[in-house]
Protein backbone atom coordinates (compact mmCIF):
# COMPACT_ATOMS: atom_id res chain seq x y z
CA MET A 1 105.72 82.60 109.42
CA ARG A 2 102.85 80.18 109.47
CA SER A 3 103.85 76.69 108.45
CA ALA A 4 101.60 74.98 105.92
CA ASP A 5 103.46 71.69 105.81
CA ALA A 6 100.48 69.81 107.23
CA ARG A 7 97.86 71.52 105.08
CA PRO A 8 96.27 69.87 102.09
CA ARG A 9 97.54 70.99 98.71
CA ALA A 10 95.39 73.74 97.25
CA GLU A 11 93.73 73.10 93.92
CA GLY A 12 95.84 74.55 91.15
CA GLY A 13 98.91 74.71 93.37
CA GLN A 14 101.20 73.23 90.70
CA GLY A 15 103.44 71.26 93.01
CA PRO A 16 106.57 71.05 90.81
CA GLY A 17 107.02 74.81 91.18
CA ALA A 18 107.41 74.57 94.94
CA ARG A 19 111.09 73.68 95.11
CA PRO A 20 113.24 75.27 97.81
CA LEU A 21 115.41 78.20 96.82
CA LEU A 22 118.78 76.86 97.96
CA SER A 23 121.86 79.01 98.29
CA ALA A 24 123.60 77.28 95.41
CA GLN A 25 120.59 77.84 93.15
CA SER A 26 119.81 81.43 94.00
CA GLY A 27 122.21 83.55 91.91
CA GLY A 28 121.28 87.08 91.01
CA PHE A 29 121.55 90.30 92.98
CA VAL A 30 120.95 88.73 96.39
CA GLU A 31 123.74 86.17 96.12
CA ARG A 32 126.22 88.47 94.36
CA HIS A 33 126.08 90.90 97.25
CA GLY A 34 125.72 88.37 100.07
CA LEU A 35 122.44 89.79 101.32
CA TRP A 36 120.96 86.55 102.71
CA ASP A 37 122.22 83.96 105.14
CA GLU A 38 121.08 80.34 105.32
CA ARG A 39 118.12 81.35 107.48
CA HIS A 40 116.80 83.49 104.62
CA HIS A 41 117.38 80.74 102.06
CA ALA A 42 115.50 78.23 104.22
CA ALA A 43 112.63 80.70 104.69
CA ALA A 44 112.50 81.30 100.93
CA GLY A 45 112.13 77.57 100.34
CA GLN A 46 109.36 77.40 102.92
CA MET A 47 107.69 80.42 101.36
CA ARG A 48 107.55 78.74 97.95
CA ARG A 49 106.13 75.56 99.51
CA VAL A 50 103.39 77.57 101.22
CA MET A 51 102.61 79.39 97.98
CA ASP A 52 102.28 76.05 96.22
CA GLU A 53 100.17 74.33 98.86
CA LEU A 54 97.79 77.26 99.25
CA GLY A 55 97.74 78.10 95.55
CA LEU A 56 98.75 81.72 96.02
CA ASP A 57 98.61 83.77 92.84
CA MET A 58 100.18 87.05 93.99
CA VAL A 59 102.63 88.39 96.58
CA ARG A 60 102.92 91.95 97.78
CA PHE A 61 106.57 93.05 98.09
CA SER A 62 106.51 96.02 100.47
CA PHE A 63 108.90 98.31 102.34
CA ALA A 64 108.39 101.01 104.95
CA ASP A 65 109.15 104.50 103.71
CA GLN A 66 110.36 107.35 105.92
CA HIS A 67 106.82 107.90 107.23
CA GLY A 68 106.22 104.27 108.13
CA VAL A 69 103.87 103.88 105.16
CA LEU A 70 104.05 100.69 103.11
CA ARG A 71 105.14 101.06 99.48
CA GLY A 72 105.88 98.36 96.94
CA LYS A 73 104.65 96.17 94.12
CA THR A 74 102.41 93.14 93.76
CA LEU A 75 103.94 90.31 91.71
CA THR A 76 102.39 87.24 90.17
CA ARG A 77 103.51 83.80 91.34
CA GLU A 78 105.54 83.38 88.14
CA ALA A 79 107.59 86.49 88.98
CA VAL A 80 108.23 85.63 92.63
CA ALA A 81 111.27 83.38 92.08
CA GLY A 82 113.05 86.12 90.13
CA ALA A 83 112.24 88.69 92.80
CA LEU A 84 113.67 86.39 95.47
CA ARG A 85 116.88 86.07 93.46
CA SER A 86 117.34 89.69 92.41
CA GLY A 87 114.84 91.91 94.23
CA ILE A 88 112.56 94.46 92.56
CA THR A 89 113.38 97.95 91.38
CA ALA A 90 111.47 101.07 92.38
CA PRO A 91 112.07 104.83 91.98
CA SER A 92 114.52 106.12 94.58
CA SER A 93 112.42 109.28 94.94
CA LEU A 94 110.07 107.26 97.16
CA LEU A 95 112.61 107.90 99.94
CA LEU A 96 112.59 111.66 99.31
CA LYS A 97 108.90 112.51 99.65
CA ASP A 98 106.86 114.20 102.36
CA THR A 99 103.52 112.86 103.57
CA SER A 100 101.64 114.44 100.64
CA GLY A 101 103.71 112.54 98.08
CA ARG A 102 105.69 115.63 97.11
CA THR A 103 109.38 115.01 96.34
CA VAL A 104 111.21 117.43 98.62
CA PHE A 105 114.69 117.17 97.10
CA PRO A 106 115.67 118.43 93.60
CA VAL A 107 116.33 115.07 91.92
CA PHE A 108 116.59 116.51 88.40
CA THR A 109 119.10 119.27 89.15
CA GLU A 110 122.66 119.17 90.43
CA GLY A 111 124.00 120.60 93.65
CA ASP A 112 122.21 118.89 96.53
CA PRO A 113 124.78 116.64 98.27
CA LEU A 114 122.09 114.30 99.60
CA VAL A 115 120.72 113.69 96.11
CA SER A 116 123.70 113.72 93.78
CA GLY A 117 124.85 110.27 92.78
CA ARG A 118 122.57 107.65 94.30
CA PHE A 119 119.28 109.58 94.05
CA ALA A 120 119.90 111.83 91.05
CA GLY A 121 117.33 111.55 88.31
CA ALA A 122 115.03 109.48 90.55
CA GLY A 123 117.03 106.41 89.54
CA ASP A 124 116.23 102.99 90.90
CA ILE A 125 116.55 101.46 94.31
CA VAL A 126 116.32 97.69 94.79
CA LEU A 127 113.79 96.16 97.18
CA VAL A 128 115.39 93.02 98.61
CA PRO A 129 112.78 90.70 100.16
CA ASP A 130 113.25 89.23 103.63
CA PRO A 131 111.64 85.77 103.35
CA THR A 132 111.46 85.41 107.15
CA THR A 133 108.67 88.03 107.09
CA PHE A 134 106.45 86.20 104.58
CA ARG A 135 102.77 85.90 105.49
CA VAL A 136 99.53 84.91 103.81
CA LEU A 137 96.98 87.73 103.71
CA PRO A 138 93.73 86.56 105.35
CA TRP A 139 91.57 89.21 103.65
CA ALA A 140 92.96 89.22 100.11
CA ARG A 141 92.25 86.26 97.82
CA ARG A 142 95.26 83.97 97.27
CA THR A 143 97.76 86.72 98.14
CA GLY A 144 100.94 86.75 100.20
CA TRP A 145 102.89 89.58 101.84
CA ILE A 146 106.62 90.03 102.34
CA LEU A 147 108.69 92.90 103.73
CA CYS A 148 111.78 94.21 101.95
CA ASP A 149 114.97 96.06 102.77
CA VAL A 150 116.13 98.85 100.47
CA HIS A 151 119.46 98.72 98.64
CA HIS A 152 121.20 100.68 95.92
CA PRO A 153 121.99 98.97 92.58
CA ASP A 154 125.62 98.45 93.70
CA GLY A 155 124.39 96.26 96.57
CA THR A 156 124.97 98.72 99.40
CA ARG A 157 122.10 99.23 101.77
CA ALA A 158 120.28 102.49 101.20
CA ALA A 159 121.32 104.88 103.94
CA PHE A 160 117.72 106.06 104.23
CA CYS A 161 116.15 102.61 104.67
CA PRO A 162 114.32 102.80 108.02
CA ARG A 163 114.44 99.04 108.63
CA GLY A 164 118.17 99.04 107.96
CA LEU A 165 118.72 102.01 110.28
CA LEU A 166 117.05 100.13 113.13
CA ARG A 167 119.04 96.99 112.39
CA ASP A 168 122.27 99.01 112.56
CA ARG A 169 121.36 100.43 115.98
CA LEU A 170 120.40 96.98 117.28
CA ASN A 171 123.73 95.62 116.04
CA ALA A 172 125.52 98.42 117.90
CA LEU A 173 123.56 97.54 121.03
CA ALA A 174 124.48 93.88 120.56
CA ASP A 175 128.15 94.85 120.35
CA HIS A 176 127.74 96.22 123.87
CA GLY A 177 126.25 92.95 125.05
CA TYR A 178 122.51 93.69 124.99
CA ASP A 179 119.37 92.80 123.06
CA LEU A 180 116.22 94.94 123.10
CA THR A 181 112.73 93.60 123.72
CA VAL A 182 109.79 95.79 122.69
CA GLY A 183 106.08 95.60 123.47
CA VAL A 184 103.55 97.56 121.41
CA GLU A 185 100.35 99.34 122.47
CA LEU A 186 98.71 101.14 119.54
CA GLU A 187 95.63 103.31 119.92
CA PHE A 188 93.53 104.24 116.90
CA HIS A 189 90.13 105.50 115.79
CA VAL A 190 87.57 103.67 113.65
CA TYR A 191 84.62 105.52 112.08
CA ARG A 192 81.72 104.87 109.75
CA PRO A 193 81.59 106.93 106.55
CA ALA A 194 78.99 109.68 106.97
CA GLY A 195 75.66 108.64 105.54
CA GLY A 196 76.60 104.96 105.67
CA ALA A 197 77.93 104.71 102.11
CA PRO A 198 81.65 104.27 101.41
CA VAL A 199 83.26 107.50 100.24
CA PRO A 200 85.73 107.26 97.33
CA PRO A 201 89.15 108.86 97.85
CA ALA A 202 89.19 112.56 97.04
CA PRO A 203 91.57 113.44 94.20
CA GLY A 204 94.65 115.37 95.30
CA ARG A 205 98.14 116.12 94.10
CA PRO A 206 101.62 116.17 95.66
CA GLY A 207 101.72 119.01 98.16
CA ALA A 208 97.92 119.31 98.22
CA PRO A 209 96.06 116.18 99.38
CA GLY A 210 92.34 116.02 98.71
CA PRO A 211 89.79 116.61 101.49
CA ALA A 212 89.47 113.99 104.21
CA PRO A 213 86.39 111.75 104.12
CA GLU A 214 83.40 112.72 106.22
CA VAL A 215 82.78 110.22 109.00
CA ASP A 216 80.53 109.44 111.97
CA PRO A 217 81.66 107.95 115.30
CA LEU A 218 81.11 104.31 116.20
CA THR A 219 81.02 104.82 119.97
CA GLY A 220 80.04 107.69 122.22
CA GLY A 221 83.20 107.77 124.31
CA ALA A 222 83.80 108.71 127.97
CA GLN A 223 83.45 105.07 129.12
CA LEU A 224 86.90 103.51 129.36
CA LEU A 225 86.98 99.70 128.96
CA HIS A 226 83.18 99.57 128.95
CA GLU A 227 82.33 95.96 128.12
CA GLU A 228 78.92 96.75 126.70
CA GLY A 229 80.41 99.52 124.58
CA LEU A 230 82.89 97.05 123.10
CA ASP A 231 80.09 94.56 122.55
CA ARG A 232 78.29 97.14 120.42
CA VAL A 233 81.18 96.98 117.95
CA ASP A 234 81.68 93.24 118.27
CA ASP A 235 81.41 92.71 114.52
CA LEU A 236 84.36 95.05 114.03
CA VAL A 237 86.32 93.44 116.88
CA GLY A 238 85.77 90.03 115.30
CA LEU A 239 86.98 91.25 111.91
CA LEU A 240 90.13 92.72 113.44
CA TYR A 241 90.79 89.61 115.53
CA ASP A 242 90.44 87.30 112.53
CA GLY A 243 92.64 89.48 110.34
CA LEU A 244 95.41 90.19 112.83
CA THR A 245 95.71 86.65 114.16
CA GLY A 246 95.34 85.25 110.66
CA LEU A 247 98.37 87.36 109.78
CA ASP A 248 100.28 85.61 112.60
CA LEU A 249 100.63 88.81 114.59
CA PRO A 250 100.98 88.25 118.38
CA LEU A 251 97.72 89.97 119.31
CA ARG A 252 97.13 90.21 123.08
CA SER A 253 94.05 92.40 123.34
CA LEU A 254 91.54 94.66 121.60
CA GLU A 255 90.19 97.29 123.97
CA LEU A 256 87.68 100.14 124.05
CA GLU A 257 89.47 103.36 124.93
CA PHE A 258 88.18 106.61 126.42
CA GLY A 259 87.40 108.69 123.36
CA PRO A 260 84.61 108.37 120.79
CA SER A 261 85.47 105.69 118.23
CA GLN A 262 88.77 105.05 120.01
CA LEU A 263 90.23 101.53 120.29
CA GLU A 264 93.55 100.01 121.26
CA LEU A 265 95.41 96.89 120.25
CA THR A 266 98.32 95.39 122.15
CA LEU A 267 100.93 92.94 120.87
CA ASP A 268 103.16 90.55 122.78
CA ALA A 269 106.69 91.76 123.49
CA ARG A 270 109.23 90.51 120.95
CA ASP A 271 112.74 91.20 119.70
CA ALA A 272 112.86 94.83 118.62
CA LEU A 273 113.10 94.34 114.84
CA GLN A 274 110.28 91.80 114.86
CA ALA A 275 108.18 94.11 117.04
CA ALA A 276 108.71 96.94 114.54
CA ASP A 277 107.61 94.66 111.69
CA ASP A 278 104.56 93.67 113.76
CA ALA A 279 103.55 97.29 114.37
CA LEU A 280 103.96 98.19 110.70
CA LEU A 281 101.85 95.26 109.52
CA ALA A 282 99.23 95.71 112.27
CA ARG A 283 98.55 99.29 111.21
CA ALA A 284 98.26 98.38 107.55
CA ALA A 285 96.06 95.41 108.41
CA VAL A 286 93.66 97.47 110.54
CA ARG A 287 93.24 100.07 107.81
CA GLN A 288 92.76 97.54 105.02
CA ILE A 289 90.38 95.32 106.99
CA CYS A 290 88.29 98.32 108.03
CA ARG A 291 88.13 99.76 104.51
CA ARG A 292 87.06 96.43 103.02
CA ASN A 293 84.21 96.23 105.55
CA GLY A 294 82.80 99.74 105.29
CA TYR A 295 84.77 101.45 108.08
CA HIS A 296 87.47 104.11 108.12
CA ALA A 297 90.42 103.55 110.48
CA THR A 298 93.08 106.16 111.23
CA PHE A 299 96.23 106.20 113.35
CA MET A 300 96.31 110.00 113.30
CA ALA A 301 96.87 111.12 116.89
CA ARG A 302 94.20 113.79 117.15
CA PRO A 303 91.59 113.73 114.38
CA ALA A 304 88.92 116.41 114.37
CA GLY A 305 86.28 115.59 116.97
CA ALA A 306 88.73 113.69 119.19
CA GLU A 307 89.30 116.53 121.66
CA SER A 308 88.50 114.36 124.67
CA ALA A 309 91.12 111.70 123.99
CA SER A 310 94.01 111.64 121.55
CA THR A 311 95.65 108.38 120.56
CA GLY A 312 99.18 107.37 121.49
CA TRP A 313 101.72 104.65 120.92
CA HIS A 314 103.04 103.40 124.24
CA LEU A 315 106.36 101.70 123.57
CA HIS A 316 107.49 99.20 126.20
CA GLN A 317 111.22 98.44 126.16
CA SER A 318 113.67 96.38 128.17
CA LEU A 319 117.19 95.03 127.75
CA ARG A 320 118.48 91.54 128.27
CA SER A 321 122.03 90.26 128.41
CA ARG A 322 123.27 88.51 125.27
CA VAL A 323 125.49 86.32 127.43
CA THR A 324 123.07 85.18 130.14
CA GLY A 325 119.68 86.07 128.66
CA GLU A 326 118.76 87.73 131.95
CA ALA A 327 116.68 90.90 132.20
CA VAL A 328 118.95 93.89 132.70
CA PHE A 329 116.46 96.41 134.13
CA ASP A 330 115.36 94.29 137.11
CA PRO A 331 116.30 96.09 140.35
CA GLU A 332 117.74 94.94 143.62
CA PRO A 333 115.20 94.71 146.48
CA GLY A 334 114.03 98.15 147.51
CA GLN A 335 115.10 99.79 144.24
CA THR A 336 113.05 100.89 141.21
CA LEU A 337 115.51 100.03 138.44
CA SER A 338 118.93 98.50 138.08
CA PRO A 339 121.84 100.97 137.59
CA THR A 340 121.89 100.08 133.87
CA GLY A 341 118.16 100.69 133.67
CA LEU A 342 118.52 104.08 135.34
CA HIS A 343 121.24 105.13 132.89
CA TYR A 344 119.16 103.98 129.91
CA LEU A 345 116.14 105.86 131.31
CA ALA A 346 118.24 108.99 131.77
CA GLY A 347 119.24 108.80 128.11
CA LEU A 348 115.57 108.70 127.06
CA LEU A 349 114.95 111.86 129.09
CA GLU A 350 118.14 113.63 127.99
CA HIS A 351 117.34 113.24 124.29
CA ALA A 352 113.54 113.41 124.43
CA PRO A 353 113.25 116.78 122.62
CA ALA A 354 115.37 115.58 119.68
CA ALA A 355 113.82 112.11 119.68
CA ALA A 356 110.38 113.71 119.34
CA VAL A 357 110.96 113.95 115.58
CA PHE A 358 111.01 110.13 115.57
CA THR A 359 108.38 109.47 118.26
CA THR A 360 106.00 112.19 117.04
CA PRO A 361 106.75 112.90 113.37
CA THR A 362 103.51 114.63 112.35
CA VAL A 363 102.25 118.17 112.84
CA ASN A 364 99.11 116.75 114.39
CA GLY A 365 100.89 114.64 117.00
CA TYR A 366 102.03 117.65 119.04
CA LYS A 367 98.42 118.59 119.69
CA ARG A 368 98.29 115.48 121.86
CA TYR A 369 100.77 116.82 124.44
CA LEU A 370 98.27 118.23 126.93
CA PRO A 371 98.29 118.32 130.76
CA MET A 372 96.01 116.03 132.75
CA SER A 373 95.22 114.00 129.64
CA LEU A 374 96.96 110.63 130.11
CA ALA A 375 99.42 111.95 127.51
CA PRO A 376 102.69 113.52 128.62
CA ASP A 377 103.61 117.14 128.05
CA ARG A 378 106.86 117.18 130.06
CA VAL A 379 110.15 115.30 130.16
CA VAL A 380 109.75 113.38 133.41
CA TRP A 381 109.61 109.79 134.63
CA GLY A 382 107.45 108.14 137.23
CA LYS A 383 106.81 104.86 138.97
CA ASP A 384 103.66 103.42 137.40
CA ASN A 385 102.47 106.97 136.63
CA LYS A 386 100.50 107.27 133.40
CA GLY A 387 101.00 111.03 133.19
CA ALA A 388 104.79 110.75 132.97
CA MET A 389 106.64 110.62 129.67
CA VAL A 390 108.45 107.45 130.78
CA ARG A 391 106.67 105.09 133.15
CA VAL A 392 108.56 102.37 135.01
CA VAL A 393 106.37 99.27 135.20
CA GLY A 394 106.79 95.72 136.42
CA ALA A 395 109.21 96.77 139.12
CA GLN A 396 108.40 93.67 141.14
CA GLY A 397 111.28 91.85 139.39
CA GLY A 398 111.24 88.46 137.75
CA GLY A 399 112.24 89.85 134.37
CA ALA A 400 109.15 92.07 134.11
CA THR A 401 110.73 95.46 134.71
CA ARG A 402 110.47 97.71 131.66
CA LEU A 403 110.24 101.30 130.57
CA GLU A 404 107.10 102.55 128.84
CA ASN A 405 107.65 105.64 126.70
CA ARG A 406 104.24 107.28 126.42
CA SER A 407 105.28 110.20 124.20
CA GLY A 408 104.94 108.46 120.83
CA GLU A 409 102.07 108.86 118.39
CA PRO A 410 100.59 105.82 116.62
CA ALA A 411 101.54 107.19 113.18
CA ALA A 412 105.28 107.06 114.00
CA ASN A 413 107.57 105.02 111.77
CA PRO A 414 108.14 101.89 113.92
CA TYR A 415 111.76 101.47 112.88
CA LEU A 416 112.74 105.08 113.49
CA TYR A 417 110.78 105.30 116.76
CA ILE A 418 112.55 102.27 118.19
CA ALA A 419 115.92 103.33 116.77
CA SER A 420 115.59 106.69 118.54
CA GLN A 421 115.13 104.88 121.84
CA VAL A 422 118.27 102.80 121.27
CA VAL A 423 120.32 105.89 120.37
CA SER A 424 119.08 107.74 123.46
CA GLY A 425 119.39 104.83 125.86
CA MET A 426 122.86 103.84 124.70
CA ASP A 427 124.12 107.39 125.23
CA GLY A 428 122.65 107.35 128.73
CA MET A 429 124.48 104.11 129.49
CA ALA A 430 127.74 105.27 127.92
CA ARG A 431 127.79 108.50 129.93
CA ARG A 432 126.23 106.91 133.03
CA LEU A 433 123.58 109.63 133.15
CA ASP A 434 121.33 110.09 136.19
CA PRO A 435 117.58 110.48 135.53
CA GLY A 436 116.96 112.23 138.85
CA PRO A 437 114.08 111.32 141.15
CA ALA A 438 110.75 109.97 139.96
CA VAL A 439 107.91 112.49 139.96
CA THR A 440 104.49 112.20 141.52
CA ASP A 441 103.16 115.32 139.74
CA PRO A 442 104.04 114.75 136.06
CA TYR A 443 102.38 117.99 134.97
CA ASP A 444 104.31 120.19 137.39
CA ALA A 445 105.07 123.50 135.71
CA GLU A 446 108.71 123.35 136.83
CA ALA A 447 109.50 120.26 134.75
CA PRO A 448 111.05 120.69 131.26
CA VAL A 449 108.43 120.53 128.51
CA LEU A 450 108.31 118.38 125.42
CA PRO A 451 108.47 120.28 122.12
CA THR A 452 105.22 122.06 121.44
CA SER A 453 105.45 121.73 117.67
CA LEU A 454 107.17 119.71 115.00
CA GLY A 455 109.26 122.78 114.17
CA ARG A 456 110.67 122.94 117.69
CA ALA A 457 111.39 119.22 117.68
CA LEU A 458 113.31 119.61 114.42
CA ASP A 459 115.39 122.40 115.97
CA ALA A 460 116.16 120.11 118.91
CA LEU A 461 117.23 117.28 116.61
CA ASP A 462 119.51 119.58 114.60
CA ALA A 463 121.14 120.69 117.86
CA ASP A 464 121.66 117.18 119.29
CA PRO A 465 125.03 115.75 118.15
CA VAL A 466 124.30 112.27 119.50
CA PHE A 467 121.78 111.46 116.75
CA ALA A 468 124.08 112.78 114.02
CA GLU A 469 126.90 110.62 115.36
CA ALA A 470 124.78 107.48 115.74
CA LEU A 471 122.66 107.69 112.58
CA GLY A 472 124.92 109.84 110.42
CA ARG A 473 124.62 113.54 109.66
CA ASP A 474 123.21 112.74 106.21
CA VAL A 475 120.37 110.73 107.74
CA VAL A 476 119.49 113.55 110.13
CA SER A 477 119.64 116.10 107.29
CA TRP A 478 117.49 113.87 105.07
CA LEU A 479 114.76 113.51 107.66
CA THR A 480 114.78 117.11 108.88
CA THR A 481 114.64 118.42 105.31
CA ILE A 482 111.57 116.32 104.56
CA LYS A 483 109.83 117.20 107.81
CA ARG A 484 110.65 120.93 107.54
CA ALA A 485 109.09 120.99 104.08
CA GLU A 486 105.99 119.34 105.53
CA PHE A 487 105.90 121.79 108.44
CA ALA A 488 106.31 124.76 106.09
CA ARG A 489 103.27 123.67 104.07
CA TYR A 490 101.30 123.49 107.31
CA LEU A 491 102.34 126.99 108.37
CA ALA A 492 101.41 128.40 104.96
CA HIS A 493 97.90 126.93 105.04
CA VAL A 494 95.02 129.19 106.06
CA SER A 495 93.10 127.06 108.58
CA ASP A 496 89.43 127.04 109.48
CA TRP A 497 90.44 128.41 112.92
CA GLU A 498 91.93 131.52 111.32
CA GLN A 499 88.89 131.96 109.12
CA ARG A 500 86.49 131.71 112.08
CA GLU A 501 88.63 133.90 114.33
CA TYR A 502 89.36 136.84 112.05
CA PHE A 503 87.23 136.87 108.90
CA ASP A 504 84.22 138.63 110.43
CA LEU A 505 86.15 140.53 113.10
CA VAL A 506 88.83 142.58 111.47
């Protein structure tokens, strides 16, 4: 969080309202259920000081739903103190919807074991703010932003809260003596609205979104890391730099990628939960900044017209010892990975088909798995090989050795993507699995393939007992039910390909 202690008081800041929220003063839902520690109370006090000094009028209280999309409410400064004490209520059906906004589960009828009780009747959930995530929005006037965890009204954490699911897996990893460090590389596309004028959102309804906006490319593509090509969109690069760094995100680079209108941002490696927060906020920031400035940004893996280069999310991950702080994956001289690193890697490979539901949760993402495309299509690993699903990089030692999973799509829920890696890697370590030799031909036809569709990935997840044991069978059933409903809508839709292929032929 950015400290504003040295900043001048903003006009209209009303200093007397900026008192710290101490543990003894908090009361309400948060204190009754012991949801904060002293670190949270201290951050809440700092948050209120920053609000006062900068004269913030509103704060967005947001949480990540099952799709990694931000949901929440915007509160006035007068309502913030109450929200910090007792959270904010929201309909629990937000956790039961597919990507179209359609509620998949029957919340108004009895009989579904996942719904009865806590979700019946679309009753409330409670969004409990995490003050350590508070930020000031650079692009919205006098507005702050804070992430929330999701709880039920009895104080228990919602079983379907993605941020909580990741925290649970990281706690399990910590119990085994390890912490996870994650680095983020997110590719995305930015377009101009066709005709130059902003296009209003097309009306839609749950289960039937409106038509996508018509857009034109910003760059011609085919020139990877072309400096002059990036210079042509320097105004956009400057907007993104100002917004992302103003949000206190650890931005490392903004790069021109291979495809038309394709860019990439990279973030410094951080503790896994913080890295997931960073990725979530970076995506929302890019989309909001672009929209406010006449562009359209999308983290869809393969939008129409992007045949030459789909976008991916390359997730870098490494373990360090909680006792010594030393990097765990660093190898002995002459080796590629430490024994622990090899076991963790083997777990990623063993569970890759099931984990695909988390790394690649959209129908569109599976159209990215193509041979010879810098995207993987097979379950293999390689030494600094960008065609492999898992690439070992930094093998020179010195704490730099890490695994880069290249199978993810940029639309993946950050918390569930990272949690799937922890589940897979921990099983590999527990069973001391062997990843086999590194490949030099990652598109060899003999290698096992990644799922070719979301439907096949869902079948693999249903058949993998490790995820049900680690996350809970209810969590797996919740997610697969939502994604199967989404996949069924896709299969039922008559596409333009079918119309072109058959309408005038048969």
